C-alpha cells in the first residue's frame, strides 16, 4: 500500500459524461485505511448462506441494497417508457429520466465501494457524521480488566 494514486475509470454510459474516480490503493484514505492495515489479510468473514461476495452484512445494509436495486429497475422502466418513439427519444423528459437512472446507479455504486473496497461498516460512517451520539461514544478502559473506570 505504498502508492496513493487514483485511477480514472471512464465507465460512463452513453448518457453520462462524468468519469468515475476509483482508488488504486486504500492507504491514503484515512481512518478506514488504518483500520484495514491492522486486520490480518488472511482472515475473511462470510455471511452464512452468503452470496454476493461481501462480508457479513447488517439488515439495514441489505435493505438499502435491495431498495437501490428496486429503484434502478423502476427508473429504467420509467426511462424506457419516457423514451418510446422517435420524438420522445430526443426529448428533455427522456434525458431527465436517464439522468435519474444514472443518479440511482451511482448511489448503488457508492454503497458498493464503501462496503466492498473500503470494508467500512455502516456504524463507522454514521459515527463519522454523528460523533456525539450514544452509539458512537467511546468509553475509556483503565487497563486492569475489572470494568471500572
C-alpha atoms as a PDB file:
ATOM      1  CA  UNK A   1       0.000   0.000   0.000  1.00  0.00           C
ATOM      2  CA  UNK A   2       2.723   2.449  -0.856  1.00  0.00           C
ATOM      3  CA  UNK A   3       1.039   4.159  -3.799  1.00  0.00           C
ATOM      4  CA  UNK A   4      -1.558   6.841  -3.276  1.00  0.00           C
ATOM      5  CA  UNK A   5      -2.796   7.419  -6.800  1.00  0.00           C
ATOM      6  CA  UNK A   6      -6.305   7.408  -8.154  1.00  0.00           C
ATOM      7  CA  UNK A   7      -7.129   5.507 -11.281  1.00  0.00           C
ATOM      8  CA  UNK A   8      -9.524   7.259 -13.617  1.00  0.00           C
ATOM      9  CA  UNK A   9     -12.098   4.829 -14.913  1.00  0.00           C
ATOM     10  CA  UNK A  10     -14.330   6.087 -17.668  1.00  0.00           C
ATOM     11  CA  UNK A  11     -17.205   3.684 -17.189  1.00  0.00           C
ATOM     12  CA  UNK A  12     -19.677   6.260 -18.350  1.00  0.00           C
ATOM     13  CA  UNK A  13     -22.771   5.169 -20.162  1.00  0.00           C
ATOM     14  CA  UNK A  14     -23.904   6.963 -23.313  1.00  0.00           C
ATOM     15  CA  UNK A  15     -25.926   9.389 -21.186  1.00  0.00           C
ATOM     16  CA  UNK A  16     -23.085  10.317 -18.834  1.00  0.00           C
ATOM     17  CA  UNK A  17     -20.045  12.453 -19.469  1.00  0.00           C
ATOM     18  CA  UNK A  18     -18.668  12.223 -15.912  1.00  0.00           C
ATOM     19  CA  UNK A  19     -15.788   9.810 -15.249  1.00  0.00           C
ATOM     20  CA  UNK A  20     -15.604   7.790 -12.053  1.00  0.00           C
ATOM     21  CA  UNK A  21     -12.564   8.003  -9.764  1.00  0.00           C
ATOM     22  CA  UNK A  22     -11.565   4.719  -8.205  1.00  0.00           C
ATOM     23  CA  UNK A  23      -8.859   4.488  -5.540  1.00  0.00           C
ATOM     24  CA  UNK A  24      -5.874   2.453  -6.715  1.00  0.00           C
ATOM     25  CA  UNK A  25      -4.977   1.815  -3.113  1.00  0.00           C
ATOM     26  CA  UNK A  26      -6.732   2.308   0.158  1.00  0.00           C
ATOM     27  CA  UNK A  27      -3.688   3.597   2.076  1.00  0.00           C
ATOM     28  CA  UNK A  28      -4.116   7.379   1.923  1.00  0.00           C
ATOM     29  CA  UNK A  29      -7.850   7.429   2.617  1.00  0.00           C
ATOM     30  CA  UNK A  30      -7.623   7.910   6.379  1.00  0.00           C
ATOM     31  CA  UNK A  31      -9.158   6.122   9.357  1.00  0.00           C
ATOM     32  CA  UNK A  32     -10.755   3.296   7.400  1.00  0.00           C
ATOM     33  CA  UNK A  33      -7.430   2.565   5.724  1.00  0.00           C
ATOM     34  CA  UNK A  34      -5.554   2.477   9.024  1.00  0.00           C
ATOM     35  CA  UNK A  35      -8.097   0.068  10.436  1.00  0.00           C
ATOM     36  CA  UNK A  36      -7.703  -2.101   7.344  1.00  0.00           C
ATOM     37  CA  UNK A  37      -3.955  -2.227   7.803  1.00  0.00           C
ATOM     38  CA  UNK A  38      -4.393  -3.617  11.322  1.00  0.00           C
ATOM     39  CA  UNK A  39      -6.559  -6.512  10.163  1.00  0.00           C
ATOM     40  CA  UNK A  40      -4.933  -9.825   9.246  1.00  0.00           C
ATOM     41  CA  UNK A  41      -5.179 -10.223   5.495  1.00  0.00           C
ATOM     42  CA  UNK A  42      -5.835 -13.971   5.532  1.00  0.00           C
ATOM     43  CA  UNK A  43      -8.996 -13.727   7.617  1.00  0.00           C
ATOM     44  CA  UNK A  44     -12.345 -13.235   5.925  1.00  0.00           C
ATOM     45  CA  UNK A  45     -15.848 -13.462   7.311  1.00  0.00           C
ATOM     46  CA  UNK A  46     -18.633 -14.608   5.061  1.00  0.00           C
ATOM     47  CA  UNK A  47     -22.303 -14.435   5.883  1.00  0.00           C
ATOM     48  CA  UNK A  48     -23.930 -17.822   6.367  1.00  0.00           C
ATOM     49  CA  UNK A  49     -25.769 -18.750   3.204  1.00  0.00           C
ATOM     50  CA  UNK A  50     -23.991 -15.703   1.796  1.00  0.00           C
ATOM     51  CA  UNK A  51     -23.748 -14.951  -1.841  1.00  0.00           C
ATOM     52  CA  UNK A  52     -22.795 -11.578  -3.174  1.00  0.00           C
ATOM     53  CA  UNK A  53     -19.132 -11.947  -2.295  1.00  0.00           C
ATOM     54  CA  UNK A  54     -19.065  -9.444   0.574  1.00  0.00           C
ATOM     55  CA  UNK A  55     -18.609  -9.944   4.273  1.00  0.00           C
ATOM     56  CA  UNK A  56     -21.413 -10.240   6.787  1.00  0.00           C
ATOM     57  CA  UNK A  57     -23.979  -7.523   6.148  1.00  0.00           C
ATOM     58  CA  UNK A  58     -26.300  -5.757   8.521  1.00  0.00           C
ATOM     59  CA  UNK A  59     -30.051  -5.941   7.986  1.00  0.00           C
ATOM     60  CA  UNK A  60     -30.231  -2.219   7.166  1.00  0.00           C
ATOM     61  CA  UNK A  61     -27.446  -2.564   4.604  1.00  0.00           C
ATOM     62  CA  UNK A  62     -29.237  -5.455   2.916  1.00  0.00           C
ATOM     63  CA  UNK A  63     -32.452  -3.426   2.843  1.00  0.00           C
ATOM     64  CA  UNK A  64     -30.625  -0.415   1.384  1.00  0.00           C
ATOM     65  CA  UNK A  65     -29.037  -2.562  -1.359  1.00  0.00           C
ATOM     66  CA  UNK A  66     -32.390  -4.167  -2.183  1.00  0.00           C
ATOM     67  CA  UNK A  67     -34.155  -0.785  -2.276  1.00  0.00           C
ATOM     68  CA  UNK A  68     -31.495   0.710  -4.561  1.00  0.00           C
ATOM     69  CA  UNK A  69     -31.750  -2.319  -6.868  1.00  0.00           C
ATOM     70  CA  UNK A  70     -35.553  -1.904  -6.995  1.00  0.00           C
ATOM     71  CA  UNK A  71     -35.232   1.831  -7.626  1.00  0.00           C
ATOM     72  CA  UNK A  72     -32.849   1.212 -10.524  1.00  0.00           C
ATOM     73  CA  UNK A  73     -35.309  -1.240 -12.072  1.00  0.00           C
ATOM     74  CA  UNK A  74     -38.179   1.250 -11.605  1.00  0.00           C
ATOM     75  CA  UNK A  75     -36.195   4.152 -13.062  1.00  0.00           C
ATOM     76  CA  UNK A  76     -35.054   2.100 -16.073  1.00  0.00           C
ATOM     77  CA  UNK A  77     -38.669   1.134 -16.784  1.00  0.00           C
ATOM     78  CA  UNK A  78     -39.735   4.788 -16.450  1.00  0.00           C
ATOM     79  CA  UNK A  79     -36.906   5.922 -18.728  1.00  0.00           C
ATOM     80  CA  UNK A  80     -37.775   3.350 -21.395  1.00  0.00           C
ATOM     81  CA  UNK A  81     -41.394   4.472 -21.235  1.00  0.00           C
ATOM     82  CA  UNK A  82     -40.417   8.153 -21.463  1.00  0.00           C
ATOM     83  CA  UNK A  83     -38.187   7.470 -24.475  1.00  0.00           C
ATOM     84  CA  UNK A  84     -40.617   5.403 -26.568  1.00  0.00           C
ATOM     85  CA  UNK A  85     -40.919   6.714 -30.097  1.00  0.00           C
ATOM     86  CA  UNK A  86     -38.554   8.789 -32.194  1.00  0.00           C
ATOM     87  CA  UNK A  87     -39.748  12.176 -30.952  1.00  0.00           C
ATOM     88  CA  UNK A  88     -39.664  11.135 -27.306  1.00  0.00           C
ATOM     89  CA  UNK A  89     -36.118   9.766 -27.599  1.00  0.00           C
ATOM     90  CA  UNK A  90     -34.816  13.286 -28.265  1.00  0.00           C
ATOM     91  CA  UNK A  91     -36.991  14.972 -25.636  1.00  0.00           C
ATOM     92  CA  UNK A  92     -35.876  16.588 -22.406  1.00  0.00           C
ATOM     93  CA  UNK A  93     -38.068  14.155 -20.439  1.00  0.00           C
ATOM     94  CA  UNK A  94     -36.102  11.236 -21.872  1.00  0.00           C
ATOM     95  CA  UNK A  95     -32.766  12.781 -20.903  1.00  0.00           C
ATOM     96  CA  UNK A  96     -34.020  13.579 -17.398  1.00  0.00           C
ATOM     97  CA  UNK A  97     -35.311  10.019 -16.968  1.00  0.00           C
ATOM     98  CA  UNK A  98     -31.924   8.531 -17.904  1.00  0.00           C
ATOM     99  CA  UNK A  99     -30.185  11.047 -15.614  1.00  0.00           C
ATOM    100  CA  UNK A 100     -32.331   9.701 -12.767  1.00  0.00           C
ATOM    101  CA  UNK A 101     -31.242   6.156 -13.645  1.00  0.00           C
ATOM    102  CA  UNK A 102     -27.626   7.311 -13.561  1.00  0.00           C
ATOM    103  CA  UNK A 103     -28.005   9.016 -10.168  1.00  0.00           C
ATOM    104  CA  UNK A 104     -29.536   5.945  -8.529  1.00  0.00           C
ATOM    105  CA  UNK A 105     -26.900   3.717 -10.157  1.00  0.00           C
ATOM    106  CA  UNK A 106     -24.148   5.955  -8.798  1.00  0.00           C
ATOM    107  CA  UNK A 107     -25.692   5.776  -5.315  1.00  0.00           C
ATOM    108  CA  UNK A 108     -25.592   1.981  -5.510  1.00  0.00           C
ATOM    109  CA  UNK A 109     -22.002   2.042  -6.803  1.00  0.00           C
ATOM    110  CA  UNK A 110     -21.007   4.359  -3.942  1.00  0.00           C
ATOM    111  CA  UNK A 111     -22.582   1.980  -1.413  1.00  0.00           C
ATOM    112  CA  UNK A 112     -20.799  -0.976  -3.025  1.00  0.00           C
ATOM    113  CA  UNK A 113     -17.490   0.929  -2.898  1.00  0.00           C
ATOM    114  CA  UNK A 114     -17.948   1.644   0.806  1.00  0.00           C
ATOM    115  CA  UNK A 115     -18.869  -1.952   1.600  1.00  0.00           C
ATOM    116  CA  UNK A 116     -16.533  -3.955  -0.625  1.00  0.00           C
ATOM    117  CA  UNK A 117     -13.480  -1.810  -1.310  1.00  0.00           C
ATOM    118  CA  UNK A 118     -13.230   0.245   1.873  1.00  0.00           C
ATOM    119  CA  UNK A 119     -14.755  -2.527   4.007  1.00  0.00           C
ATOM    120  CA  UNK A 120     -16.378   0.197   6.049  1.00  0.00           C
ATOM    121  CA  UNK A 121     -19.219  -0.840   8.316  1.00  0.00           C
ATOM    122  CA  UNK A 122     -22.329   1.368   8.462  1.00  0.00           C
ATOM    123  CA  UNK A 123     -21.704   2.395  12.077  1.00  0.00           C
ATOM    124  CA  UNK A 124     -18.299   3.802  11.135  1.00  0.00           C
ATOM    125  CA  UNK A 125     -19.735   6.185   8.546  1.00  0.00           C
ATOM    126  CA  UNK A 126     -22.631   7.082  10.877  1.00  0.00           C
ATOM    127  CA  UNK A 127     -20.200   7.911  13.695  1.00  0.00           C
ATOM    128  CA  UNK A 128     -18.087   9.976  11.322  1.00  0.00           C
ATOM    129  CA  UNK A 129     -21.127  12.208  10.747  1.00  0.00           C
ATOM    130  CA  UNK A 130     -22.541  11.995  14.314  1.00  0.00           C
ATOM    131  CA  UNK A 131     -19.683  11.536  16.805  1.00  0.00           C
ATOM    132  CA  UNK A 132     -21.683  12.932  19.735  1.00  0.00           C
ATOM    133  CA  UNK A 133     -24.406  10.236  19.699  1.00  0.00           C
ATOM    134  CA  UNK A 134     -24.629   7.484  22.322  1.00  0.00           C
ATOM    135  CA  UNK A 135     -23.995   4.808  19.679  1.00  0.00           C
ATOM    136  CA  UNK A 136     -20.632   6.372  18.893  1.00  0.00           C
ATOM    137  CA  UNK A 137     -19.426   7.198  22.385  1.00  0.00           C
ATOM    138  CA  UNK A 138     -16.127   5.521  23.274  1.00  0.00           C
ATOM    139  CA  UNK A 139     -15.610   4.683  26.919  1.00  0.00           C
ATOM    140  CA  UNK A 140     -12.129   4.538  28.390  1.00  0.00           C
ATOM    141  CA  UNK A 141     -10.580   1.466  29.974  1.00  0.00           C
ATOM    142  CA  UNK A 142      -8.203   1.802  32.916  1.00  0.00           C
ATOM    143  CA  UNK A 143      -6.373  -1.333  31.787  1.00  0.00           C
ATOM    144  CA  UNK A 144      -6.924  -3.583  34.802  1.00  0.00           C
ATOM    145  CA  UNK A 145      -9.754  -5.539  33.161  1.00  0.00           C
ATOM    146  CA  UNK A 146     -12.251  -5.155  36.009  1.00  0.00           C
ATOM    147  CA  UNK A 147     -14.560  -2.846  34.057  1.00  0.00           C
ATOM    148  CA  UNK A 148     -14.449   0.149  36.406  1.00  0.00           C
ATOM    149  CA  UNK A 149     -13.075   3.455  35.237  1.00  0.00           C
END
